[in-house]
Structures are given as structure tokens and as C-alpha cells.
Amino acid sequence: MSTTDELERLLQERFEISTTQFVDALKFLPITRPWAASLAEDAARLLDEAGLVENPDAFVAAGTEVAGEVARLAVTAFTADEVASGLGISASRVRQKRLAGELWAIPDGQTWVFPILQFETGDDGGPTRQVRGLDQVLKQLPADLHPVAVAGFLRTPQPDLFHERPRTVIEWLRDGGEVDKAAAVAANADWYTV
């Protein structure tokens, strides 16, 4: 099996995406320079002595996982036209909602796509409406928050959204939870120290 064939198989198996979609996702990621975040020699030696040695493969694995998740978000997302049609609004209104932070969109080449996670869907799989109150939660998130961080936040149970167990923001809102409480969780998250 060639390396290309193996890569295609692994991407499909692990992320349910093609190599083309993976390459598109890589283009979206910022350029990183691991060496720019290197530790001082004394600090590195202390960590090495404690058994916490550097693993270059971990950096590659993490980057691959993030690129795969970005690709999965983009591949399963709705286009602006699909959102406009499904929500019964104009394409310009979709654009206005995206710019206002009321609809979550991620860049996809020369256009924007809207992750499915934020929508209720109909029998045809298309969007019928945005999850109740999510527009107010999205406005509380930092505008430059990475799409994988947004998806992770929406899918992770939040201790402050508790009803028999911690709920995700999406579960909380779909179950009729207070919108203000979900928005406060987003507003109070310490995004840059996580």
C-alpha cells in the first residue's frame, strides 16, 4: 500500500474526511514554530530529569487531530445558502448574523460555512432553526476563538449547567435551560489560560 493510499485510508477511518479536505483544513491552521516556545536550558533539564521529556511526535499528533477536527466541522457544515433557506431568511441576513456573532461560521476557502452543531435539523438533514438562545451564548465567546475550541466548549459538560448531571451548552439550551446562565458560562470562561 502506498503512503498516499494509507493516508487516505487513515483520514477516512479516523476523521471521516478525504485528503483534499484535510489539506484544506491545514491551510486554515496558523503557522506554528515549536522552537519559538522552547524552554530555557535549565528548565528543560529539570523537566527531563523528572521524566518529562520532549516528544516531537506529540506535536505532530496534536496538530493532525486539530486539522482533522477542523476538516470534520467544515465538511459537515451548512453553506450560507442552506442556512438562509432553512431558516427562511435572506443571504444578506445570514451574513449580518455572522458578522454580529449570532451565527457561528468558519472560513472555508473564499466563503464561510456554518457548523451543524448549532442547528436543529429537519427530516432532510437541513437546518430548520438555530438552537434556542445559542446566538446569545455565541456573542459571549471571543471573536478570535479557534473553531475547535468553540466546538469543544459547546460539546463539553459545564459544571455550572447542572440538572441531574453537568450538561453541555447545547443540551442545556435544548432542554429549556436558562439562556442567561449558558451565556454567563461562556462569558466567564478563562479562554486564554486553558
N, C-alpha and C. Protein backbone atom coordinates (compact mmCIF):
# COMPACT_ATOMS: atom_id res chain seq x y z
N MET A 1 0.86 -1.18 0.00
CA MET A 1 0.00 0.00 0.00
C MET A 1 0.90 1.23 0.00
N SER A 2 0.60 2.17 -0.89
CA SER A 2 1.41 3.39 -0.97
C SER A 2 1.11 4.29 0.23
N THR A 3 2.01 5.21 0.48
CA THR A 3 1.83 6.16 1.57
C THR A 3 0.58 7.00 1.34
N THR A 4 0.33 7.40 0.10
CA THR A 4 -0.85 8.20 -0.23
C THR A 4 -2.13 7.42 0.06
N ASP A 5 -2.15 6.17 -0.37
CA ASP A 5 -3.33 5.33 -0.11
C ASP A 5 -3.53 5.13 1.39
N GLU A 6 -2.43 4.92 2.10
CA GLU A 6 -2.54 4.72 3.55
C GLU A 6 -3.04 5.98 4.24
N LEU A 7 -2.55 7.14 3.79
CA LEU A 7 -3.01 8.40 4.36
C LEU A 7 -4.50 8.59 4.10
N GLU A 8 -4.93 8.33 2.88
CA GLU A 8 -6.36 8.46 2.55
C GLU A 8 -7.19 7.53 3.44
N ARG A 9 -6.74 6.29 3.62
CA ARG A 9 -7.48 5.33 4.44
C ARG A 9 -7.55 5.78 5.89
N LEU A 10 -6.41 6.23 6.44
CA LEU A 10 -6.37 6.67 7.84
C LEU A 10 -7.23 7.91 8.09
N LEU A 11 -7.19 8.86 7.17
CA LEU A 11 -8.01 10.06 7.33
C LEU A 11 -9.49 9.70 7.29
N GLN A 12 -9.85 8.80 6.39
CA GLN A 12 -11.25 8.38 6.32
C GLN A 12 -11.65 7.61 7.57
N GLU A 13 -10.78 6.72 8.02
CA GLU A 13 -11.06 5.88 9.19
C GLU A 13 -11.11 6.69 10.48
N ARG A 14 -10.15 7.59 10.66
CA ARG A 14 -10.04 8.33 11.93
C ARG A 14 -10.90 9.58 11.99
N PHE A 15 -11.03 10.28 10.85
CA PHE A 15 -11.72 11.57 10.86
C PHE A 15 -12.92 11.65 9.92
N GLU A 16 -13.11 10.64 9.09
CA GLU A 16 -14.18 10.62 8.09
C GLU A 16 -14.06 11.79 7.12
N ILE A 17 -12.81 12.05 6.67
CA ILE A 17 -12.55 13.12 5.70
C ILE A 17 -11.60 12.60 4.64
N SER A 18 -11.52 13.31 3.52
CA SER A 18 -10.60 12.96 2.44
C SER A 18 -9.29 13.72 2.60
N THR A 19 -8.30 13.33 1.82
CA THR A 19 -7.02 14.05 1.88
C THR A 19 -7.20 15.49 1.41
N THR A 20 -8.07 15.71 0.42
CA THR A 20 -8.32 17.06 -0.06
C THR A 20 -8.91 17.92 1.06
N GLN A 21 -9.86 17.37 1.79
CA GLN A 21 -10.46 18.11 2.90
C GLN A 21 -9.44 18.36 4.00
N PHE A 22 -8.55 17.40 4.22
CA PHE A 22 -7.51 17.56 5.23
C PHE A 22 -6.54 18.68 4.83
N VAL A 23 -6.16 18.71 3.58
CA VAL A 23 -5.26 19.77 3.09
C VAL A 23 -5.93 21.13 3.24
N ASP A 24 -7.22 21.22 2.92
CA ASP A 24 -7.95 22.48 3.10
C ASP A 24 -7.94 22.91 4.56
N ALA A 25 -8.10 21.96 5.47
CA ALA A 25 -8.08 22.28 6.90
C ALA A 25 -6.69 22.75 7.33
N LEU A 26 -5.65 22.13 6.79
CA LEU A 26 -4.29 22.56 7.14
C LEU A 26 -4.04 24.00 6.72
N LYS A 27 -4.60 24.40 5.60
CA LYS A 27 -4.45 25.78 5.13
C LYS A 27 -5.06 26.78 6.11
N PHE A 28 -6.08 26.33 6.85
CA PHE A 28 -6.76 27.20 7.81
C PHE A 28 -5.93 27.40 9.08
N LEU A 29 -5.11 26.40 9.44
CA LEU A 29 -4.36 26.46 10.69
C LEU A 29 -3.25 27.50 10.61
N PRO A 30 -2.97 28.16 11.71
CA PRO A 30 -1.87 29.13 11.71
C PRO A 30 -0.53 28.41 11.63
N ILE A 31 0.44 29.11 11.11
CA ILE A 31 1.79 28.55 11.06
C ILE A 31 2.33 28.52 12.48
N THR A 32 2.85 27.37 12.88
CA THR A 32 3.40 27.25 14.22
C THR A 32 4.88 26.94 14.12
N ARG A 33 5.58 27.41 15.09
CA ARG A 33 7.01 27.19 15.17
C ARG A 33 7.32 26.68 16.57
N PRO A 34 7.34 25.34 16.75
CA PRO A 34 7.56 24.78 18.09
C PRO A 34 8.82 25.31 18.76
N TRP A 35 9.84 25.58 17.98
CA TRP A 35 11.09 26.05 18.55
C TRP A 35 10.93 27.43 19.20
N ALA A 36 9.92 28.20 18.77
CA ALA A 36 9.72 29.54 19.32
C ALA A 36 9.24 29.48 20.77
N ALA A 37 8.72 28.34 21.18
CA ALA A 37 8.22 28.19 22.55
C ALA A 37 9.14 27.29 23.37
N SER A 38 10.39 27.18 22.95
CA SER A 38 11.29 26.29 23.67
C SER A 38 11.64 26.86 25.05
N LEU A 39 11.95 25.95 25.95
CA LEU A 39 12.27 26.32 27.33
C LEU A 39 13.74 26.70 27.46
N ALA A 40 14.03 27.43 28.51
CA ALA A 40 15.43 27.71 28.83
C ALA A 40 16.10 26.38 29.14
N GLU A 41 17.39 26.30 28.89
CA GLU A 41 18.13 25.04 29.07
C GLU A 41 17.98 24.47 30.48
N ASP A 42 18.04 25.32 31.51
CA ASP A 42 17.91 24.83 32.90
C ASP A 42 16.53 24.23 33.14
N ALA A 43 15.50 24.91 32.65
CA ALA A 43 14.13 24.41 32.84
C ALA A 43 13.94 23.09 32.09
N ALA A 44 14.47 23.02 30.88
CA ALA A 44 14.34 21.79 30.09
C ALA A 44 15.06 20.63 30.78
N ARG A 45 16.22 20.88 31.34
CA ARG A 45 16.98 19.83 32.02
C ARG A 45 16.20 19.32 33.25
N LEU A 46 15.60 20.26 34.01
CA LEU A 46 14.80 19.85 35.18
C LEU A 46 13.63 18.95 34.76
N LEU A 47 12.95 19.32 33.71
CA LEU A 47 11.83 18.51 33.24
C LEU A 47 12.32 17.15 32.72
N ASP A 48 13.42 17.16 32.00
CA ASP A 48 13.99 15.89 31.51
C ASP A 48 14.34 14.98 32.68
N GLU A 49 14.97 15.54 33.71
CA GLU A 49 15.35 14.75 34.88
C GLU A 49 14.15 14.18 35.62
N ALA A 50 13.02 14.88 35.52
CA ALA A 50 11.79 14.40 36.17
C ALA A 50 11.04 13.41 35.29
N GLY A 51 11.60 13.10 34.12
CA GLY A 51 10.97 12.14 33.23
C GLY A 51 9.98 12.76 32.27
N LEU A 52 9.92 14.07 32.23
CA LEU A 52 9.00 14.77 31.33
C LEU A 52 9.77 15.24 30.10
N VAL A 53 10.18 14.30 29.28
CA VAL A 53 10.99 14.60 28.11
C VAL A 53 10.12 15.06 26.95
N GLU A 54 10.72 15.85 26.08
CA GLU A 54 10.02 16.38 24.92
C GLU A 54 9.69 15.25 23.94
N ASN A 55 8.52 15.31 23.37
CA ASN A 55 8.10 14.30 22.40
C ASN A 55 7.66 15.01 21.12
N PRO A 56 8.55 15.12 20.12
CA PRO A 56 8.20 15.81 18.88
C PRO A 56 6.99 15.18 18.18
N ASP A 57 6.80 13.88 18.33
CA ASP A 57 5.66 13.22 17.69
C ASP A 57 4.33 13.69 18.29
N ALA A 58 4.34 14.09 19.55
CA ALA A 58 3.11 14.57 20.20
C ALA A 58 2.63 15.86 19.53
N PHE A 59 3.57 16.72 19.15
CA PHE A 59 3.21 17.97 18.47
C PHE A 59 2.54 17.67 17.14
N VAL A 60 3.11 16.74 16.39
CA VAL A 60 2.54 16.35 15.09
C VAL A 60 1.17 15.72 15.29
N ALA A 61 1.04 14.84 16.28
CA ALA A 61 -0.24 14.17 16.53
C ALA A 61 -1.31 15.19 16.91
N ALA A 62 -0.97 16.14 17.77
CA ALA A 62 -1.94 17.16 18.19
C ALA A 62 -2.37 18.03 17.01
N GLY A 63 -1.41 18.43 16.19
CA GLY A 63 -1.73 19.24 15.02
C GLY A 63 -2.61 18.49 14.04
N THR A 64 -2.34 17.22 13.88
CA THR A 64 -3.15 16.39 12.98
C THR A 64 -4.56 16.25 13.51
N GLU A 65 -4.69 16.06 14.81
CA GLU A 65 -6.01 15.93 15.41
C GLU A 65 -6.82 17.22 15.24
N VAL A 66 -6.19 18.36 15.45
CA VAL A 66 -6.88 19.64 15.30
C VAL A 66 -7.28 19.85 13.84
N ALA A 67 -6.37 19.57 12.91
CA ALA A 67 -6.69 19.73 11.49
C ALA A 67 -7.83 18.80 11.09
N GLY A 68 -7.83 17.58 11.61
CA GLY A 68 -8.92 16.65 11.32
C GLY A 68 -10.25 17.15 11.84
N GLU A 69 -10.25 17.72 13.03
CA GLU A 69 -11.50 18.23 13.61
C GLU A 69 -11.99 19.46 12.83
N VAL A 70 -11.08 20.34 12.41
CA VAL A 70 -11.47 21.50 11.60
C VAL A 70 -12.09 21.00 10.29
N ALA A 71 -11.45 20.02 9.68
CA ALA A 71 -11.98 19.48 8.42
C ALA A 71 -13.36 18.86 8.63
N ARG A 72 -13.53 18.12 9.72
CA ARG A 72 -14.83 17.50 10.00
C ARG A 72 -15.90 18.58 10.21
N LEU A 73 -15.56 19.64 10.94
CA LEU A 73 -16.51 20.74 11.13
C LEU A 73 -16.90 21.37 9.80
N ALA A 74 -15.92 21.57 8.92
CA ALA A 74 -16.18 22.21 7.63
C ALA A 74 -16.96 21.30 6.69
N VAL A 75 -16.62 20.03 6.66
CA VAL A 75 -17.26 19.09 5.74
C VAL A 75 -18.73 18.88 6.09
N THR A 76 -19.05 18.88 7.38
CA THR A 76 -20.43 18.63 7.80
C THR A 76 -21.24 19.92 7.95
N ALA A 77 -20.61 21.05 7.72
CA ALA A 77 -21.26 22.35 7.91
C ALA A 77 -22.22 22.67 6.77
N PHE A 78 -23.09 23.62 7.03
CA PHE A 78 -24.03 24.11 6.03
C PHE A 78 -23.44 25.33 5.34
N THR A 79 -23.79 25.51 4.08
CA THR A 79 -23.40 26.72 3.36
C THR A 79 -24.31 27.86 3.80
N ALA A 80 -23.93 29.07 3.44
CA ALA A 80 -24.76 30.23 3.76
C ALA A 80 -26.12 30.11 3.08
N ASP A 81 -26.16 29.61 1.85
CA ASP A 81 -27.43 29.44 1.15
C ASP A 81 -28.32 28.42 1.84
N GLU A 82 -27.73 27.33 2.33
CA GLU A 82 -28.51 26.32 3.05
C GLU A 82 -29.08 26.89 4.35
N VAL A 83 -28.27 27.70 5.05
CA VAL A 83 -28.74 28.32 6.28
C VAL A 83 -29.87 29.30 5.97
N ALA A 84 -29.68 30.12 4.95
CA ALA A 84 -30.71 31.09 4.58
C ALA A 84 -32.02 30.38 4.23
N SER A 85 -31.93 29.36 3.43
CA SER A 85 -33.12 28.62 3.03
C SER A 85 -33.78 27.93 4.22
N GLY A 86 -32.98 27.26 5.04
CA GLY A 86 -33.51 26.53 6.18
C GLY A 86 -34.14 27.41 7.24
N LEU A 87 -33.55 28.59 7.46
CA LEU A 87 -34.07 29.49 8.48
C LEU A 87 -35.10 30.47 7.92
N GLY A 88 -35.27 30.44 6.60
CA GLY A 88 -36.24 31.34 5.99
C GLY A 88 -35.84 32.80 6.04
N ILE A 89 -34.54 33.06 5.89
CA ILE A 89 -34.04 34.43 5.88
C ILE A 89 -33.19 34.64 4.63
N SER A 90 -32.84 35.86 4.34
CA SER A 90 -32.05 36.16 3.15
C SER A 90 -30.57 35.87 3.40
N ALA A 91 -29.83 35.72 2.30
CA ALA A 91 -28.39 35.51 2.41
C ALA A 91 -27.71 36.69 3.09
N SER A 92 -28.21 37.90 2.83
CA SER A 92 -27.60 39.07 3.48
C SER A 92 -27.87 39.06 4.98
N ARG A 93 -29.03 38.53 5.39
CA ARG A 93 -29.33 38.43 6.84
C ARG A 93 -28.41 37.40 7.49
N VAL A 94 -28.11 36.31 6.78
CA VAL A 94 -27.16 35.31 7.29
C VAL A 94 -25.81 35.99 7.51
N ARG A 95 -25.38 36.78 6.52
CA ARG A 95 -24.11 37.49 6.64
C ARG A 95 -24.12 38.44 7.84
N GLN A 96 -25.21 39.18 8.01
CA GLN A 96 -25.33 40.11 9.14
C GLN A 96 -25.24 39.36 10.47
N LYS A 97 -25.91 38.22 10.57
CA LYS A 97 -25.88 37.43 11.81
C LYS A 97 -24.48 36.87 12.06
N ARG A 98 -23.79 36.49 10.99
CA ARG A 98 -22.41 36.00 11.16
C ARG A 98 -21.52 37.13 11.67
N LEU A 99 -21.63 38.29 11.07
CA LEU A 99 -20.80 39.43 11.48
C LEU A 99 -21.12 39.89 12.89
N ALA A 100 -22.37 39.74 13.31
CA ALA A 100 -22.79 40.15 14.66
C ALA A 100 -22.43 39.09 15.70
N GLY A 101 -21.91 37.95 15.25
CA GLY A 101 -21.54 36.88 16.19
C GLY A 101 -22.73 36.05 16.63
N GLU A 102 -23.85 36.17 15.94
CA GLU A 102 -25.05 35.42 16.30
C GLU A 102 -25.09 34.04 15.65
N LEU A 103 -24.40 33.89 14.54
CA LEU A 103 -24.25 32.60 13.87
C LEU A 103 -22.76 32.28 13.86
N TRP A 104 -22.44 31.05 14.19
CA TRP A 104 -21.04 30.61 14.21
C TRP A 104 -20.67 30.12 12.82
N ALA A 105 -19.64 30.72 12.27
CA ALA A 105 -19.17 30.35 10.94
C ALA A 105 -17.66 30.17 10.96
N ILE A 106 -17.20 29.31 10.07
CA ILE A 106 -15.76 29.12 9.92
C ILE A 106 -15.39 29.34 8.46
N PRO A 107 -14.22 29.91 8.21
CA PRO A 107 -13.83 30.16 6.82
C PRO A 107 -13.56 28.84 6.11
N ASP A 108 -13.97 28.80 4.85
CA ASP A 108 -13.76 27.62 4.01
C ASP A 108 -13.36 28.12 2.63
N GLY A 109 -12.09 28.40 2.48
CA GLY A 109 -11.61 28.97 1.23
C GLY A 109 -12.07 30.41 1.11
N GLN A 110 -12.83 30.68 0.05
CA GLN A 110 -13.31 32.05 -0.21
C GLN A 110 -14.70 32.31 0.38
N THR A 111 -15.21 31.38 1.17
CA THR A 111 -16.56 31.51 1.70
C THR A 111 -16.59 31.13 3.18
N TRP A 112 -17.77 31.13 3.75
CA TRP A 112 -17.96 30.74 5.14
C TRP A 112 -18.93 29.57 5.18
N VAL A 113 -18.71 28.67 6.13
CA VAL A 113 -19.66 27.59 6.36
C VAL A 113 -20.06 27.61 7.83
N PHE A 114 -21.22 27.02 8.10
CA PHE A 114 -21.84 27.13 9.42
C PHE A 114 -21.96 25.74 10.05
N PRO A 115 -21.16 25.44 11.08
CA PRO A 115 -21.18 24.11 11.68
C PRO A 115 -22.58 23.66 12.10
N ILE A 116 -22.86 22.43 11.80
CA ILE A 116 -24.18 21.83 12.03
C ILE A 116 -24.55 21.81 13.51
N LEU A 117 -23.55 21.76 14.38
CA LEU A 117 -23.76 21.66 15.82
C LEU A 117 -24.72 22.72 16.37
N GLN A 118 -24.77 23.87 15.74
CA GLN A 118 -25.57 24.98 16.26
C GLN A 118 -27.03 24.97 15.80
N PHE A 119 -27.40 23.99 14.99
CA PHE A 119 -28.74 23.99 14.41
C PHE A 119 -29.58 22.79 14.82
N GLU A 120 -30.88 23.01 14.83
CA GLU A 120 -31.86 21.93 14.83
C GLU A 120 -32.00 21.57 13.36
N THR A 121 -32.15 20.29 13.06
CA THR A 121 -32.25 19.89 11.67
C THR A 121 -33.58 19.18 11.39
N GLY A 122 -33.99 19.25 10.14
CA GLY A 122 -35.23 18.63 9.73
C GLY A 122 -35.01 17.22 9.23
N ASP A 123 -36.07 16.60 8.74
CA ASP A 123 -36.01 15.24 8.22
C ASP A 123 -35.05 15.12 7.04
N ASP A 124 -34.88 16.21 6.29
CA ASP A 124 -33.97 16.19 5.14
C ASP A 124 -32.52 16.44 5.55
N GLY A 125 -32.27 16.65 6.84
CA GLY A 125 -30.92 16.90 7.33
C GLY A 125 -30.50 18.35 7.28
N GLY A 126 -31.33 19.20 6.71
CA GLY A 126 -31.02 20.62 6.60
C GLY A 126 -31.39 21.38 7.87
N PRO A 127 -30.84 22.58 8.03
CA PRO A 127 -31.15 23.37 9.22
C PRO A 127 -32.59 23.88 9.19
N THR A 128 -33.24 23.84 10.35
CA THR A 128 -34.59 24.39 10.44
C THR A 128 -34.61 25.62 11.34
N ARG A 129 -33.71 25.66 12.32
CA ARG A 129 -33.55 26.83 13.18
C ARG A 129 -32.28 26.64 14.00
N GLN A 130 -31.79 27.74 14.52
CA GLN A 130 -30.63 27.67 15.40
C GLN A 130 -31.12 27.21 16.78
N VAL A 131 -30.25 26.50 17.49
CA VAL A 131 -30.59 26.06 18.84
C VAL A 131 -31.01 27.29 19.65
N ARG A 132 -32.13 27.18 20.34
CA ARG A 132 -32.71 28.27 21.11
C ARG A 132 -31.67 28.92 22.03
N GLY A 133 -31.49 30.24 21.90
CA GLY A 133 -30.61 31.00 22.77
C GLY A 133 -29.13 30.93 22.45
N LEU A 134 -28.75 30.08 21.49
CA LEU A 134 -27.32 29.93 21.20
C LEU A 134 -26.71 31.22 20.66
N ASP A 135 -27.50 32.02 19.95
CA ASP A 135 -26.97 33.28 19.45
C ASP A 135 -26.43 34.15 20.58
N GLN A 136 -27.11 34.14 21.74
CA GLN A 136 -26.66 34.94 22.88
C GLN A 136 -25.39 34.35 23.51
N VAL A 137 -25.27 33.05 23.49
CA VAL A 137 -24.06 32.39 24.01
C VAL A 137 -22.89 32.70 23.10
N LEU A 138 -23.08 32.57 21.79
CA LEU A 138 -22.00 32.80 20.83
C LEU A 138 -21.44 34.21 20.93
N LYS A 139 -22.30 35.19 21.21
CA LYS A 139 -21.85 36.58 21.33
C LYS A 139 -20.88 36.76 22.50
N GLN A 140 -20.90 35.86 23.47
CA GLN A 140 -20.04 35.97 24.63
C GLN A 140 -18.66 35.36 24.41
N LEU A 141 -18.49 34.62 23.33
CA LEU A 141 -17.21 33.98 23.05
C LEU A 141 -16.26 34.97 22.39
N PRO A 142 -14.96 34.85 22.64
CA PRO A 142 -14.01 35.72 21.95
C PRO A 142 -14.13 35.54 20.44
N ALA A 143 -14.09 36.63 19.71
CA ALA A 143 -14.26 36.59 18.26
C ALA A 143 -13.17 35.77 17.57
N ASP A 144 -11.99 35.71 18.16
CA ASP A 144 -10.87 35.00 17.53
C ASP A 144 -10.70 33.57 18.05
N LEU A 145 -11.69 33.05 18.73
CA LEU A 145 -11.60 31.71 19.29
C LEU A 145 -11.57 30.68 18.16
N HIS A 146 -10.64 29.75 18.25
CA HIS A 146 -10.47 28.73 17.22
C HIS A 146 -11.73 27.87 17.12
N PRO A 147 -12.12 27.47 15.91
CA PRO A 147 -13.33 26.65 15.75
C PRO A 147 -13.34 25.37 16.58
N VAL A 148 -12.18 24.75 16.78
CA VAL A 148 -12.13 23.53 17.59
C VAL A 148 -12.42 23.86 19.05
N ALA A 149 -12.00 25.04 19.50
CA ALA A 149 -12.29 25.46 20.88
C ALA A 149 -13.78 25.75 21.04
N VAL A 150 -14.39 26.38 20.04
CA VAL A 150 -15.83 26.65 20.10
C VAL A 150 -16.59 25.32 20.17
N ALA A 151 -16.26 24.40 19.28
CA ALA A 151 -16.94 23.09 19.26
C ALA A 151 -16.73 22.36 20.58
N GLY A 152 -15.51 22.41 21.10
CA GLY A 152 -15.22 21.76 22.37
C GLY A 152 -16.03 22.35 23.51
N PHE A 153 -16.14 23.67 23.53
CA PHE A 153 -16.93 24.33 24.57
C PHE A 153 -18.40 23.91 24.48
N LEU A 154 -18.94 23.91 23.28
CA LEU A 154 -20.36 23.57 23.11
C LEU A 154 -20.65 22.11 23.42
N ARG A 155 -19.65 21.23 23.28
CA ARG A 155 -19.83 19.79 23.48
C ARG A 155 -19.39 19.29 24.86
N THR A 156 -18.79 20.15 25.67
CA THR A 156 -18.25 19.73 26.96
C THR A 156 -19.23 20.05 28.08
N PRO A 157 -19.54 19.06 28.93
CA PRO A 157 -20.41 19.34 30.07
C PRO A 157 -19.81 20.45 30.94
N GLN A 158 -20.67 21.40 31.33
CA GLN A 158 -20.23 22.55 32.12
C GLN A 158 -20.77 22.39 33.54
N PRO A 159 -19.91 22.46 34.54
CA PRO A 159 -20.35 22.30 35.94
C PRO A 159 -21.46 23.27 36.35
N ASP A 160 -21.46 24.48 35.77
CA ASP A 160 -22.47 25.47 36.14
C ASP A 160 -23.83 25.24 35.47
N LEU A 161 -23.86 24.31 34.51
CA LEU A 161 -25.11 23.97 33.84
C LEU A 161 -25.50 22.57 34.31
N PHE A 162 -26.00 22.50 35.53
CA PHE A 162 -26.24 21.22 36.18
C PHE A 162 -27.74 20.96 36.36
N HIS A 163 -28.17 19.84 35.84
CA HIS A 163 -29.52 19.33 36.08
C HIS A 163 -29.41 17.81 36.07
N GLU A 164 -29.31 17.23 37.24
CA GLU A 164 -29.06 15.79 37.46
C GLU A 164 -27.62 15.41 37.12
N ARG A 165 -27.01 16.14 36.23
CA ARG A 165 -25.60 15.97 35.87
C ARG A 165 -25.18 17.23 35.11
N PRO A 166 -23.87 17.48 35.00
CA PRO A 166 -23.45 18.64 34.19
C PRO A 166 -23.91 18.45 32.74
N ARG A 167 -24.40 19.51 32.14
CA ARG A 167 -24.90 19.48 30.76
C ARG A 167 -23.97 20.28 29.85
N THR A 168 -23.96 19.90 28.58
CA THR A 168 -23.28 20.74 27.60
C THR A 168 -24.15 21.96 27.35
N VAL A 169 -23.59 22.98 26.77
CA VAL A 169 -24.36 24.18 26.46
C VAL A 169 -25.52 23.81 25.53
N ILE A 170 -25.24 22.99 24.54
CA ILE A 170 -26.28 22.59 23.58
C ILE A 170 -27.39 21.82 24.29
N GLU A 171 -27.03 20.86 25.14
CA GLU A 171 -28.05 20.11 25.88
C GLU A 171 -28.87 21.04 26.77
N TRP A 172 -28.18 21.92 27.47
CA TRP A 172 -28.84 22.85 28.40
C TRP A 172 -29.90 23.68 27.67
N LEU A 173 -29.51 24.23 26.54
CA LEU A 173 -30.44 25.08 25.79
C LEU A 173 -31.57 24.26 25.19
N ARG A 174 -31.27 23.10 24.65
CA ARG A 174 -32.31 22.26 24.05
C ARG A 174 -33.30 21.75 25.11
N ASP A 175 -32.81 21.56 26.33
CA ASP A 175 -33.67 21.07 27.42
C ASP A 175 -34.44 22.20 28.11
N GLY A 176 -34.33 23.42 27.57
CA GLY A 176 -35.10 24.53 28.13
C GLY A 176 -34.39 25.29 29.24
N GLY A 177 -33.09 25.07 29.42
CA GLY A 177 -32.34 25.78 30.45
C GLY A 177 -32.28 27.27 30.18
N GLU A 178 -32.00 28.02 31.24
CA GLU A 178 -31.94 29.48 31.13
C GLU A 178 -30.82 29.92 30.18
N VAL A 179 -31.18 30.72 29.20
CA VAL A 179 -30.22 31.22 28.23
C VAL A 179 -29.16 32.09 28.91
N ASP A 180 -29.60 32.94 29.84
CA ASP A 180 -28.67 33.83 30.54
C ASP A 180 -27.59 33.05 31.28
N LYS A 181 -27.96 31.93 31.84
CA LYS A 181 -27.00 31.11 32.58
C LYS A 181 -25.95 30.52 31.63
N ALA A 182 -26.38 30.04 30.46
CA ALA A 182 -25.45 29.50 29.47
C ALA A 182 -24.55 30.61 28.93
N ALA A 183 -25.11 31.79 28.70
CA ALA A 183 -24.32 32.93 28.22
C ALA A 183 -23.28 33.34 29.26
N ALA A 184 -23.66 33.26 30.54
CA ALA A 184 -22.72 33.62 31.61
C ALA A 184 -21.56 32.63 31.67
N VAL A 185 -21.83 31.36 31.42
CA VAL A 185 -20.75 30.35 31.40
C VAL A 185 -19.75 30.71 30.30
N ALA A 186 -20.25 31.09 29.13
CA ALA A 186 -19.36 31.47 28.02
C ALA A 186 -18.58 32.74 28.36
N ALA A 187 -19.27 33.71 28.94
CA ALA A 187 -18.63 34.99 29.26
C ALA A 187 -17.57 34.85 30.34
N ASN A 188 -17.77 33.93 31.27
CA ASN A 188 -16.86 33.80 32.41
C ASN A 188 -15.73 32.80 32.20
N ALA A 189 -15.72 32.14 31.06
CA ALA A 189 -14.63 31.19 30.80
C ALA A 189 -13.33 31.95 30.61
N ASP A 190 -12.26 31.40 31.14
CA ASP A 190 -10.94 32.00 31.02
C ASP A 190 -10.25 31.35 29.84
N TRP A 191 -10.56 31.83 28.64
CA TRP A 191 -10.15 31.18 27.39
C TRP A 191 -8.66 31.15 27.17
N TYR A 192 -7.94 32.09 27.69
CA TYR A 192 -6.54 32.19 27.32
C TYR A 192 -5.58 31.60 28.34
N THR A 193 -6.12 30.97 29.37
CA THR A 193 -5.23 30.27 30.31
C THR A 193 -5.48 28.77 30.30
N VAL A 194 -6.41 28.34 29.47
CA VAL A 194 -6.74 26.91 29.40
C VAL A 194 -5.68 26.20 28.59
